[in-house]
Each structure stands twice: as structure tokens, then as C-alpha cells.
Amino acid sequence: MEGEHLGDNESPGEIVEVDGVVFPKNFESNRPMKEHIDRIRALDVRDDDVFICAFAKSGTHWTWEVVNMLLSGKAEYQKQKKETMMLEVTEVETIEALPSPRVLNSHLPARMLPRQLQDKKGRIVFVYRNPKDIFISMYFHFNQAYPVTLQNLEQLFMTGRTVTGDYFRYMKEMDEFTKKNPQLKILKISFEDMKEDPVAAVGRYAEFLGVAVTPTLCTEIADACGFQKLKHFGETYKESSDFYIRTNMSTGTIFRKGEVGDWKNYMTVAQSERFDAAIQQLDGCDFRFRYQL
């Protein structure tokens, strides 16, 4: 489906599709997306790797900064953008050359992650967020560069045609992956839990990573990674990256509000009810969705 357009005002330009997942064509760098995904699947995983896995707009930037601060033992931001260590947009050769411990991140579904993750290598932090807030965050993200209506985006979201794929399939696959691999080191945490008690969330991350921390450091990291401070640093001090140059994006397209329950300000009652019906397909999965705090 290379070169396909999803329709006027519905998709960020030219796309490619790999194994049911839609990617913008400009995600590609030196090789076709299918070949790149195949190389990601074959990636050598190190025992001290940390993989942050989340559907788009679920809090990946936030989590990435927290994890890096914990591993470094200080509440200092990374100068590099998260995308410099994002599986789907970074050349495998670059990932392979990174020093350990690597903190990698991805919106790829479980079926596209490195196969060696199932060999008890590395750690996985799985972050999830309620789909209504994801939907609204995605709407504003797209509209900074590619105008789309809530109605059109809803159609794409419900049919799995948004960039980074089908939310519901993604969540079902991650649930199945964690249940089929109980021997793996996986921490599952929700955006809402992180927002409700950031200090406690930092503590959970530290315990999972095997990092000794003081209560003071947990508080300092939680404070540094508060939304407004993280947004200011991300928009002001982050170094440029090939991905942002290639896709003609700015960090300003990433951060907006970081709130729980903002969907109420934009979704109609009918839309909310349609989402409620769609979410029922995740019945039986081990998720605790919360739509307000």
C-alpha cells in the first residue's frame, strides 16, 4: 500500500503499511519500512536494556525521562530527544551502537518487537492510557500539521487506520503477550496512576529497575517530570534529531496538556458512547481504565 493516501484531511500525507500498521512514509530513512521492522524483530537484546512500550499519546516521553533519571541517579533531563532511541524511526545500526544501559522506546505492537524479548532479556515498561484521552490528544497532535475533524479521526481510530495502528488490537496483543510470558520482567502502569501519584509511580519504576533511591530523589524526579517543566525543557533545550528534520516536526507538536479527563471538553455524548461500546472488546484484558481523577 506504499504511496496510499487515506483521504483529504484524514492522514499525514503519504503512508506505508506493514503487517496491518500504518506509518507515515517519512518515518523511513535509509531502508523501506518493512525491512526496517524485520530488522527490529531480529535486534539483539541486551540483559540491561529497558524497553518503554506504549500506544501513541500514552505518556512515553514522560516515562522515558523518569527511567533515564532513575538510571543516572539524578533529576537531570536527557539532552537527546526520545526519538533518537525510538525503534520505529531510528536505524538499527544506531540502536546497536548505543552504550548500555539502553533505554529504548516504541509504539510498535507486540508482534513487531524484538523476538529476543521473549528470552528473558531486558525489561519492559508498558504504559497505557484511557482511549478517550488518547483520541483527543491525537486529534490536537495531528491538527498542528494536518487538519482533521473529530468525526474523520474517529472513523480512522475505530477502524485501526490511525498512525501507529489499531489501539484495540495493540492493547489486546500486549495483554496476551504479558500473560503468555509471565517469566519476563514487565511493569505495567497507567498514565492515570502516574498522574494521580507521581512520587509513588517513580518509586514503582525504581523498584522494577532495581535502582536504590531515596525519598528525596523520588520527589525531585517527580517534580522535574511534572508536565509544565517537562514541556518547557522539551521545547527549549532538546537537541535536534534526524527524525524531526526528516518529518518536519517540532517538539511543540508533542506536548499539550497532559491531563486526565480532557476528553469531556471535546467529545460529544454520542462519541463517548461509541467509545464505551468499542472498549467492550477489551473485556477480559487486565487493564484498569480511568477517565477522570
C-alpha atoms as a PDB file:
ATOM      1  CA  MET A   1       0.000   0.000   0.000  1.00  0.00           C
ATOM      2  CA  GLU A   2       3.001   2.250  -0.406  1.00  0.00           C
ATOM      3  CA  GLY A   3       2.020   5.704  -1.605  1.00  0.00           C
ATOM      4  CA  GLU A   4      -1.604   5.384  -0.498  1.00  0.00           C
ATOM      5  CA  HIS A   5      -3.439   8.372   0.918  1.00  0.00           C
ATOM      6  CA  LEU A   6      -6.214   7.796   3.421  1.00  0.00           C
ATOM      7  CA  GLY A   7      -8.159  10.768   2.149  1.00  0.00           C
ATOM      8  CA  ASP A   8      -8.107  14.553   2.271  1.00  0.00           C
ATOM      9  CA  ASN A   9      -7.648  15.964   5.774  1.00  0.00           C
ATOM     10  CA  GLU A  10      -7.549  12.466   7.253  1.00  0.00           C
ATOM     11  CA  SER A  11      -3.929  11.386   7.283  1.00  0.00           C
ATOM     12  CA  PRO A  12      -0.468  12.961   7.443  1.00  0.00           C
ATOM     13  CA  GLY A  13       0.344  12.595   3.764  1.00  0.00           C
ATOM     14  CA  GLU A  14       1.837   9.574   2.062  1.00  0.00           C
ATOM     15  CA  ILE A  15       1.833   6.349   4.056  1.00  0.00           C
ATOM     16  CA  VAL A  16       3.163   2.824   4.019  1.00  0.00           C
ATOM     17  CA  GLU A  17       1.546  -0.176   5.706  1.00  0.00           C
ATOM     18  CA  VAL A  18       3.420  -3.054   7.314  1.00  0.00           C
ATOM     19  CA  ASP A  19       1.621  -6.034   8.839  1.00  0.00           C
ATOM     20  CA  GLY A  20      -1.557  -4.044   9.413  1.00  0.00           C
ATOM     21  CA  VAL A  21       0.130  -0.957  10.889  1.00  0.00           C
ATOM     22  CA  VAL A  22       0.057   2.412   9.111  1.00  0.00           C
ATOM     23  CA  PHE A  23       3.236   4.509   9.142  1.00  0.00           C
ATOM     24  CA  PRO A  24       3.890   7.905   7.570  1.00  0.00           C
ATOM     25  CA  LYS A  25       6.214   7.486   4.611  1.00  0.00           C
ATOM     26  CA  ASN A  26       8.610   9.995   6.148  1.00  0.00           C
ATOM     27  CA  PHE A  27       9.246   7.618   9.073  1.00  0.00           C
ATOM     28  CA  GLU A  28      11.534   5.789   6.657  1.00  0.00           C
ATOM     29  CA  SER A  29      15.169   6.791   6.452  1.00  0.00           C
ATOM     30  CA  ASN A  30      17.698   4.519   4.715  1.00  0.00           C
ATOM     31  CA  ARG A  31      15.528   1.485   4.004  1.00  0.00           C
ATOM     32  CA  PRO A  32      11.871   0.553   3.378  1.00  0.00           C
ATOM     33  CA  MET A  33       9.699   0.331   6.491  1.00  0.00           C
ATOM     34  CA  LYS A  34       9.040  -3.393   6.108  1.00  0.00           C
ATOM     35  CA  GLU A  35      12.754  -4.145   6.006  1.00  0.00           C
ATOM     36  CA  HIS A  36      13.304  -1.878   8.992  1.00  0.00           C
ATOM     37  CA  ILE A  37      10.614  -3.659  11.031  1.00  0.00           C
ATOM     38  CA  ASP A  38      12.145  -7.028  10.123  1.00  0.00           C
ATOM     39  CA  ARG A  39      15.491  -5.789  11.437  1.00  0.00           C
ATOM     40  CA  ILE A  40      13.840  -4.564  14.655  1.00  0.00           C
ATOM     41  CA  ARG A  41      12.340  -8.011  15.174  1.00  0.00           C
ATOM     42  CA  ALA A  42      15.818  -9.513  14.781  1.00  0.00           C
ATOM     43  CA  LEU A  43      17.516  -6.984  17.093  1.00  0.00           C
ATOM     44  CA  ASP A  44      19.971  -8.369  19.645  1.00  0.00           C
ATOM     45  CA  VAL A  45      18.573  -7.533  23.075  1.00  0.00           C
ATOM     46  CA  ARG A  46      20.926  -6.922  25.981  1.00  0.00           C
ATOM     47  CA  ASP A  47      20.178  -8.051  29.509  1.00  0.00           C
ATOM     48  CA  ASP A  48      20.240  -4.465  30.811  1.00  0.00           C
ATOM     49  CA  ASP A  49      18.035  -2.991  28.060  1.00  0.00           C
ATOM     50  CA  VAL A  50      14.874  -1.173  29.110  1.00  0.00           C
ATOM     51  CA  PHE A  51      12.057  -1.034  26.553  1.00  0.00           C
ATOM     52  CA  ILE A  52       9.299   1.532  27.097  1.00  0.00           C
ATOM     53  CA  CYS A  53       6.262   0.318  25.177  1.00  0.00           C
ATOM     54  CA  ALA A  54       3.089   2.353  24.783  1.00  0.00           C
ATOM     55  CA  PHE A  55       0.472   3.239  22.209  1.00  0.00           C
ATOM     56  CA  ALA A  56       0.954   6.771  20.888  1.00  0.00           C
ATOM     57  CA  LYS A  57      -0.072   9.628  23.225  1.00  0.00           C
ATOM     58  CA  SER A  58       0.042   7.447  26.332  1.00  0.00           C
ATOM     59  CA  GLY A  59       2.880   9.165  28.205  1.00  0.00           C
ATOM     60  CA  THR A  60       6.003   7.762  26.546  1.00  0.00           C
ATOM     61  CA  HIS A  61       8.060  10.974  26.782  1.00  0.00           C
ATOM     62  CA  TRP A  62       7.221  11.300  30.470  1.00  0.00           C
ATOM     63  CA  THR A  63       8.157   7.707  31.227  1.00  0.00           C
ATOM     64  CA  TRP A  64      11.356   7.898  29.191  1.00  0.00           C
ATOM     65  CA  GLU A  65      12.629  10.858  31.204  1.00  0.00           C
ATOM     66  CA  VAL A  66      11.730   9.232  34.546  1.00  0.00           C
ATOM     67  CA  VAL A  67      13.503   5.984  33.667  1.00  0.00           C
ATOM     68  CA  ASN A  68      16.626   7.774  32.458  1.00  0.00           C
ATOM     69  CA  MET A  69      16.756   9.909  35.601  1.00  0.00           C
ATOM     70  CA  LEU A  70      16.471   6.836  37.806  1.00  0.00           C
ATOM     71  CA  LEU A  71      19.239   5.017  35.967  1.00  0.00           C
ATOM     72  CA  SER A  72      21.508   8.064  36.155  1.00  0.00           C
ATOM     73  CA  GLY A  73      20.669   8.672  39.818  1.00  0.00           C
ATOM     74  CA  LYS A  74      19.864  12.365  39.350  1.00  0.00           C
ATOM     75  CA  ALA A  75      16.921  14.521  38.306  1.00  0.00           C
ATOM     76  CA  GLU A  76      18.508  15.804  35.111  1.00  0.00           C
ATOM     77  CA  TYR A  77      16.847  15.778  31.692  1.00  0.00           C
ATOM     78  CA  GLN A  78      18.208  13.979  28.672  1.00  0.00           C
ATOM     79  CA  LYS A  79      19.519  16.422  26.080  1.00  0.00           C
ATOM     80  CA  GLN A  80      18.646  13.987  23.295  1.00  0.00           C
ATOM     81  CA  LYS A  81      15.087  13.660  22.096  1.00  0.00           C
ATOM     82  CA  LYS A  82      13.271  10.429  22.891  1.00  0.00           C
ATOM     83  CA  GLU A  83      13.007   9.753  19.152  1.00  0.00           C
ATOM     84  CA  THR A  84      16.777   9.220  18.929  1.00  0.00           C
ATOM     85  CA  MET A  85      16.117   5.910  20.719  1.00  0.00           C
ATOM     86  CA  MET A  86      12.712   5.077  19.234  1.00  0.00           C
ATOM     87  CA  LEU A  87      12.702   1.722  17.459  1.00  0.00           C
ATOM     88  CA  GLU A  88      10.455   2.548  14.522  1.00  0.00           C
ATOM     89  CA  VAL A  89      12.223   5.748  13.462  1.00  0.00           C
ATOM     90  CA  THR A  90      15.875   5.039  14.308  1.00  0.00           C
ATOM     91  CA  GLU A  91      18.258   2.999  12.188  1.00  0.00           C
ATOM     92  CA  VAL A  92      19.093  -0.375  13.731  1.00  0.00           C
ATOM     93  CA  GLU A  93      22.786   0.387  13.279  1.00  0.00           C
ATOM     94  CA  THR A  94      22.350   3.456  15.500  1.00  0.00           C
ATOM     95  CA  ILE A  95      20.484   1.442  18.139  1.00  0.00           C
ATOM     96  CA  GLU A  96      23.166  -1.261  18.091  1.00  0.00           C
ATOM     97  CA  ALA A  97      25.888   1.348  18.649  1.00  0.00           C
ATOM     98  CA  LEU A  98      24.257   2.862  21.752  1.00  0.00           C
ATOM     99  CA  PRO A  99      26.102   2.265  25.029  1.00  0.00           C
ATOM    100  CA  SER A 100      24.495   0.237  27.793  1.00  0.00           C
ATOM    101  CA  PRO A 101      22.158   0.521  29.503  1.00  0.00           C
ATOM    102  CA  ARG A 102      19.925   1.437  26.575  1.00  0.00           C
ATOM    103  CA  VAL A 103      16.542   2.993  27.311  1.00  0.00           C
ATOM    104  CA  LEU A 104      14.625   2.323  24.106  1.00  0.00           C
ATOM    105  CA  ASN A 105      11.016   3.201  23.354  1.00  0.00           C
ATOM    106  CA  SER A 106       8.380   2.248  20.833  1.00  0.00           C
ATOM    107  CA  HIS A 107       4.727   2.474  19.808  1.00  0.00           C
ATOM    108  CA  LEU A 108       5.078  -0.783  17.858  1.00  0.00           C
ATOM    109  CA  PRO A 109       2.659  -3.608  18.677  1.00  0.00           C
ATOM    110  CA  ALA A 110       3.927  -6.725  20.431  1.00  0.00           C
ATOM    111  CA  ARG A 111       4.193  -8.662  17.162  1.00  0.00           C
ATOM    112  CA  MET A 112       6.817  -6.191  15.897  1.00  0.00           C
ATOM    113  CA  LEU A 113       9.016  -6.040  18.993  1.00  0.00           C
ATOM    114  CA  PRO A 114      12.402  -7.817  19.115  1.00  0.00           C
ATOM    115  CA  ARG A 115      11.915 -11.581  19.340  1.00  0.00           C
ATOM    116  CA  GLN A 116      14.650 -11.885  21.955  1.00  0.00           C
ATOM    117  CA  LEU A 117      12.450 -10.108  24.484  1.00  0.00           C
ATOM    118  CA  GLN A 118      10.803 -13.485  24.992  1.00  0.00           C
ATOM    119  CA  ASP A 119      14.162 -14.951  26.040  1.00  0.00           C
ATOM    120  CA  LYS A 120      14.055 -13.200  29.443  1.00  0.00           C
ATOM    121  CA  LYS A 121      16.346 -10.467  28.185  1.00  0.00           C
ATOM    122  CA  GLY A 122      15.839  -6.838  29.123  1.00  0.00           C
ATOM    123  CA  ARG A 123      12.982  -5.167  30.955  1.00  0.00           C
ATOM    124  CA  ILE A 124       9.699  -3.869  29.539  1.00  0.00           C
ATOM    125  CA  VAL A 125       7.810  -0.876  30.915  1.00  0.00           C
ATOM    126  CA  PHE A 126       4.309  -0.939  29.445  1.00  0.00           C
ATOM    127  CA  VAL A 127       2.415   2.335  29.825  1.00  0.00           C
ATOM    128  CA  TYR A 128      -1.261   2.578  28.927  1.00  0.00           C
ATOM    129  CA  ARG A 129      -3.869   5.343  28.968  1.00  0.00           C
ATOM    130  CA  ASN A 130      -7.626   5.535  28.612  1.00  0.00           C
ATOM    131  CA  PRO A 131      -8.550   5.636  24.906  1.00  0.00           C
ATOM    132  CA  LYS A 132     -10.765   8.727  25.120  1.00  0.00           C
ATOM    133  CA  ASP A 133      -7.907  10.955  26.260  1.00  0.00           C
ATOM    134  CA  ILE A 134      -5.595   9.316  23.716  1.00  0.00           C
ATOM    135  CA  PHE A 135      -8.110  10.125  20.987  1.00  0.00           C
ATOM    136  CA  ILE A 136      -8.337  13.810  21.921  1.00  0.00           C
ATOM    137  CA  SER A 137      -4.567  14.129  22.355  1.00  0.00           C
ATOM    138  CA  MET A 138      -4.100  12.560  18.930  1.00  0.00           C
ATOM    139  CA  TYR A 139      -6.640  14.964  17.435  1.00  0.00           C
ATOM    140  CA  PHE A 140      -4.671  18.015  18.582  1.00  0.00           C
ATOM    141  CA  HIS A 141      -1.360  16.392  17.653  1.00  0.00           C
ATOM    142  CA  PHE A 142      -2.496  15.841  14.058  1.00  0.00           C
ATOM    143  CA  ASN A 143      -4.110  19.246  13.732  1.00  0.00           C
ATOM    144  CA  GLN A 144      -0.871  21.126  14.273  1.00  0.00           C
ATOM    145  CA  ALA A 145       0.259  19.961  10.856  1.00  0.00           C
ATOM    146  CA  TYR A 146      -2.575  18.099   9.109  1.00  0.00           C
ATOM    147  CA  PRO A 147      -6.136  19.347   9.663  1.00  0.00           C
ATOM    148  CA  VAL A 148      -8.568  16.597  10.622  1.00  0.00           C
ATOM    149  CA  THR A 149     -12.060  16.687  12.100  1.00  0.00           C
ATOM    150  CA  LEU A 150     -13.041  14.728  15.179  1.00  0.00           C
ATOM    151  CA  GLN A 151     -15.516  12.811  13.027  1.00  0.00           C
ATOM    152  CA  ASN A 152     -12.905  11.771  10.480  1.00  0.00           C
ATOM    153  CA  LEU A 153     -10.383  10.875  13.145  1.00  0.00           C
ATOM    154  CA  GLU A 154     -12.964   8.802  14.996  1.00  0.00           C
ATOM    155  CA  GLN A 155     -13.576   6.766  11.860  1.00  0.00           C
ATOM    156  CA  LEU A 156      -9.845   6.149  11.457  1.00  0.00           C
ATOM    157  CA  PHE A 157      -9.376   5.367  15.155  1.00  0.00           C
ATOM    158  CA  MET A 158     -12.232   2.886  15.258  1.00  0.00           C
ATOM    159  CA  THR A 159     -11.032   1.089  12.135  1.00  0.00           C
ATOM    160  CA  GLY A 160      -7.379   0.941  13.169  1.00  0.00           C
ATOM    161  CA  ARG A 161      -6.194   3.315  10.452  1.00  0.00           C
ATOM    162  CA  THR A 162      -4.511   5.958  12.580  1.00  0.00           C
ATOM    163  CA  VAL A 163      -0.747   6.292  12.518  1.00  0.00           C
ATOM    164  CA  THR A 164       0.889   3.605  14.747  1.00  0.00           C
ATOM    165  CA  GLY A 165      -2.038   1.275  14.211  1.00  0.00           C
ATOM    166  CA  ASP A 166      -5.149  -0.130  15.829  1.00  0.00           C
ATOM    167  CA  TYR A 167      -5.425   0.850  19.514  1.00  0.00           C
ATOM    168  CA  PHE A 168      -7.705  -2.041  20.419  1.00  0.00           C
ATOM    169  CA  ARG A 169      -5.600  -4.658  18.641  1.00  0.00           C
ATOM    170  CA  TYR A 170      -2.476  -3.152  20.226  1.00  0.00           C
ATOM    171  CA  MET A 171      -3.939  -3.441  23.714  1.00  0.00           C
ATOM    172  CA  LYS A 172      -5.209  -6.992  23.194  1.00  0.00           C
ATOM    173  CA  GLU A 173      -1.813  -8.085  21.861  1.00  0.00           C
ATOM    174  CA  MET A 174       0.060  -6.528  24.780  1.00  0.00           C
ATOM    175  CA  ASP A 175      -2.323  -8.185  27.242  1.00  0.00           C
ATOM    176  CA  GLU A 176      -1.809 -11.541  25.539  1.00  0.00           C
ATOM    177  CA  PHE A 177       1.969 -11.026  25.403  1.00  0.00           C
ATOM    178  CA  THR A 178       2.234 -10.321  29.139  1.00  0.00           C
ATOM    179  CA  LYS A 179       0.003 -13.257  30.060  1.00  0.00           C
ATOM    180  CA  LYS A 180       1.856 -15.707  27.800  1.00  0.00           C
ATOM    181  CA  ASN A 181       5.247 -14.618  29.139  1.00  0.00           C
ATOM    182  CA  PRO A 182       4.905 -14.441  32.938  1.00  0.00           C
ATOM    183  CA  GLN A 183       8.628 -15.103  33.280  1.00  0.00           C
ATOM    184  CA  LEU A 184       9.531 -11.777  31.692  1.00  0.00           C
ATOM    185  CA  LYS A 185      10.354  -8.591  33.575  1.00  0.00           C
ATOM    186  CA  ILE A 186       7.355  -6.417  32.727  1.00  0.00           C
ATOM    187  CA  LEU A 187       5.992  -3.432  34.640  1.00  0.00           C
ATOM    188  CA  LYS A 188       2.510  -2.343  33.629  1.00  0.00           C
ATOM    189  CA  ILE A 189       1.455   1.120  34.757  1.00  0.00           C
ATOM    190  CA  SER A 190      -1.262   3.522  33.658  1.00  0.00           C
ATOM    191  CA  PHE A 191      -0.927   7.178  32.734  1.00  0.00           C
ATOM    192  CA  GLU A 192      -3.682   7.902  35.250  1.00  0.00           C
ATOM    193  CA  ASP A 193      -1.809   6.194  38.107  1.00  0.00           C
ATOM    194  CA  MET A 194       1.302   8.201  37.250  1.00  0.00           C
ATOM    195  CA  LYS A 195      -0.707  11.410  37.193  1.00  0.00           C
ATOM    196  CA  GLU A 196      -2.523  10.707  40.470  1.00  0.00           C
ATOM    197  CA  ASP A 197       0.616   9.994  42.499  1.00  0.00           C
ATOM    198  CA  PRO A 198       3.843  10.788  40.574  1.00  0.00           C
ATOM    199  CA  VAL A 199       6.153  10.164  43.547  1.00  0.00           C
ATOM    200  CA  ALA A 200       4.689   6.700  44.126  1.00  0.00           C
ATOM    201  CA  ALA A 201       4.989   5.970  40.393  1.00  0.00           C
ATOM    202  CA  VAL A 202       8.675   6.931  40.425  1.00  0.00           C
ATOM    203  CA  GLY A 203       9.125   4.564  43.357  1.00  0.00           C
ATOM    204  CA  ARG A 204       7.489   1.739  41.416  1.00  0.00           C
ATOM    205  CA  TYR A 205       9.810   2.360  38.491  1.00  0.00           C
ATOM    206  CA  ALA A 206      12.847   2.366  40.766  1.00  0.00           C
ATOM    207  CA  GLU A 207      11.859  -0.945  42.371  1.00  0.00           C
ATOM    208  CA  PHE A 208      11.246  -2.515  38.964  1.00  0.00           C
ATOM    209  CA  LEU A 209      14.597  -1.286  37.621  1.00  0.00           C
ATOM    210  CA  GLY A 210      16.428  -2.477  40.720  1.00  0.00           C
ATOM    211  CA  VAL A 211      17.625   1.048  41.494  1.00  0.00           C
ATOM    212  CA  ALA A 212      18.205   2.199  45.064  1.00  0.00           C
ATOM    213  CA  VAL A 213      16.635   5.618  45.574  1.00  0.00           C
ATOM    214  CA  THR A 214      15.963   7.973  48.453  1.00  0.00           C
ATOM    215  CA  PRO A 215      12.541   9.531  49.042  1.00  0.00           C
ATOM    216  CA  THR A 216      14.159  12.878  48.212  1.00  0.00           C
ATOM    217  CA  LEU A 217      15.315  11.690  44.786  1.00  0.00           C
ATOM    218  CA  CYS A 218      11.871  10.251  44.004  1.00  0.00           C
ATOM    219  CA  THR A 219      10.319  13.611  44.854  1.00  0.00           C
ATOM    220  CA  GLU A 220      12.905  15.519  42.802  1.00  0.00           C
ATOM    221  CA  ILE A 221      12.341  13.297  39.755  1.00  0.00           C
ATOM    222  CA  ALA A 222       8.563  13.532  40.049  1.00  0.00           C
ATOM    223  CA  ASP A 223       8.830  17.317  40.273  1.00  0.00           C
ATOM    224  CA  ALA A 224      11.255  17.616  37.342  1.00  0.00           C
ATOM    225  CA  CYS A 225       8.944  15.444  35.250  1.00  0.00           C
ATOM    226  CA  GLY A 226       5.841  17.460  36.052  1.00  0.00           C
ATOM    227  CA  PHE A 227       4.144  18.312  32.783  1.00  0.00           C
ATOM    228  CA  GLN A 228       4.908  22.030  32.556  1.00  0.00           C
ATOM    229  CA  LYS A 229       8.594  21.615  33.433  1.00  0.00           C
ATOM    230  CA  LEU A 230       8.982  18.684  31.064  1.00  0.00           C
ATOM    231  CA  LYS A 231       7.225  20.594  28.293  1.00  0.00           C
ATOM    232  CA  HIS A 232       9.426  23.676  28.790  1.00  0.00           C
ATOM    233  CA  PHE A 233      12.645  21.680  28.663  1.00  0.00           C
ATOM    234  CA  GLY A 234      11.465  19.596  25.704  1.00  0.00           C
ATOM    235  CA  GLU A 235      10.542  22.653  23.667  1.00  0.00           C
ATOM    236  CA  THR A 236      13.550  24.748  24.660  1.00  0.00           C
ATOM    237  CA  TYR A 237      16.652  22.654  25.295  1.00  0.00           C
ATOM    238  CA  LYS A 238      16.375  19.351  23.473  1.00  0.00           C
ATOM    239  CA  GLU A 239      18.940  18.733  20.760  1.00  0.00           C
ATOM    240  CA  SER A 240      17.724  18.278  17.204  1.00  0.00           C
ATOM    241  CA  SER A 241      17.412  14.803  15.706  1.00  0.00           C
ATOM    242  CA  ASP A 242      17.300  13.258  12.267  1.00  0.00           C
ATOM    243  CA  PHE A 243      13.686  12.212  12.829  1.00  0.00           C
ATOM    244  CA  TYR A 244      12.467  15.751  13.471  1.00  0.00           C
ATOM    245  CA  ILE A 245      14.371  17.081  10.472  1.00  0.00           C
ATOM    246  CA  ARG A 246      13.108  14.254   8.252  1.00  0.00           C
ATOM    247  CA  THR A 247       9.462  14.613   9.304  1.00  0.00           C
ATOM    248  CA  ASN A 248       9.482  18.418   9.502  1.00  0.00           C
ATOM    249  CA  MET A 249       8.140  18.258  13.059  1.00  0.00           C
ATOM    250  CA  SER A 250       8.898  20.306  16.141  1.00  0.00           C
ATOM    251  CA  THR A 251       8.824  19.236  19.772  1.00  0.00           C
ATOM    252  CA  GLY A 252       5.924  21.635  20.182  1.00  0.00           C
ATOM    253  CA  THR A 253       3.699  19.108  18.417  1.00  0.00           C
ATOM    254  CA  ILE A 254       4.275  16.601  21.230  1.00  0.00           C
ATOM    255  CA  PHE A 255       3.269  18.376  24.444  1.00  0.00           C
ATOM    256  CA  ARG A 256      -0.194  19.853  25.012  1.00  0.00           C
ATOM    257  CA  LYS A 257      -1.941  19.391  28.400  1.00  0.00           C
ATOM    258  CA  GLY A 258      -1.048  16.020  29.871  1.00  0.00           C
ATOM    259  CA  GLU A 259      -4.345  15.871  31.759  1.00  0.00           C
ATOM    260  CA  VAL A 260      -6.817  13.152  32.658  1.00  0.00           C
ATOM    261  CA  GLY A 261     -10.417  13.708  31.574  1.00  0.00           C
ATOM    262  CA  ASP A 262      -9.841  16.391  28.923  1.00  0.00           C
ATOM    263  CA  TRP A 263     -11.902  14.274  26.534  1.00  0.00           C
ATOM    264  CA  LYS A 264     -15.040  15.615  28.236  1.00  0.00           C
ATOM    265  CA  ASN A 265     -14.331  19.057  26.789  1.00  0.00           C
ATOM    266  CA  TYR A 266     -14.406  17.859  23.173  1.00  0.00           C
ATOM    267  CA  MET A 267     -16.241  14.561  22.695  1.00  0.00           C
ATOM    268  CA  THR A 268     -19.987  14.528  22.192  1.00  0.00           C
ATOM    269  CA  VAL A 269     -22.173  12.231  24.262  1.00  0.00           C
ATOM    270  CA  ALA A 270     -22.714  10.068  21.182  1.00  0.00           C
ATOM    271  CA  GLN A 271     -18.975   9.780  20.551  1.00  0.00           C
ATOM    272  CA  SER A 272     -18.319   8.865  24.171  1.00  0.00           C
ATOM    273  CA  GLU A 273     -20.983   6.160  23.975  1.00  0.00           C
ATOM    274  CA  ARG A 274     -19.472   4.764  20.777  1.00  0.00           C
ATOM    275  CA  PHE A 275     -16.096   4.578  22.531  1.00  0.00           C
ATOM    276  CA  ASP A 276     -17.707   2.852  25.511  1.00  0.00           C
ATOM    277  CA  ALA A 277     -19.124   0.230  23.160  1.00  0.00           C
ATOM    278  CA  ALA A 278     -15.786  -0.252  21.377  1.00  0.00           C
ATOM    279  CA  ILE A 279     -13.880  -0.598  24.649  1.00  0.00           C
ATOM    280  CA  GLN A 280     -16.004  -3.644  25.490  1.00  0.00           C
ATOM    281  CA  GLN A 281     -13.857  -5.648  23.077  1.00  0.00           C
ATOM    282  CA  LEU A 282     -11.115  -5.376  25.721  1.00  0.00           C
ATOM    283  CA  ASP A 283     -13.252  -7.153  28.321  1.00  0.00           C
ATOM    284  CA  GLY A 284     -11.136  -9.898  29.850  1.00  0.00           C
ATOM    285  CA  CYS A 285      -7.923  -7.927  29.428  1.00  0.00           C
ATOM    286  CA  ASP A 286      -6.043  -6.872  32.530  1.00  0.00           C
ATOM    287  CA  PHE A 287      -6.453  -3.100  32.299  1.00  0.00           C
ATOM    288  CA  ARG A 288      -7.905  -0.595  34.734  1.00  0.00           C
ATOM    289  CA  PHE A 289      -9.183   2.318  32.661  1.00  0.00           C
ATOM    290  CA  ARG A 290      -9.923   5.545  34.448  1.00  0.00           C
ATOM    291  CA  TYR A 291     -11.448   8.528  32.649  1.00  0.00           C
ATOM    292  CA  GLN A 292     -11.148  11.145  35.371  1.00  0.00           C
ATOM    293  CA  LEU A 293      -9.320  11.649  38.669  1.00  0.00           C
END
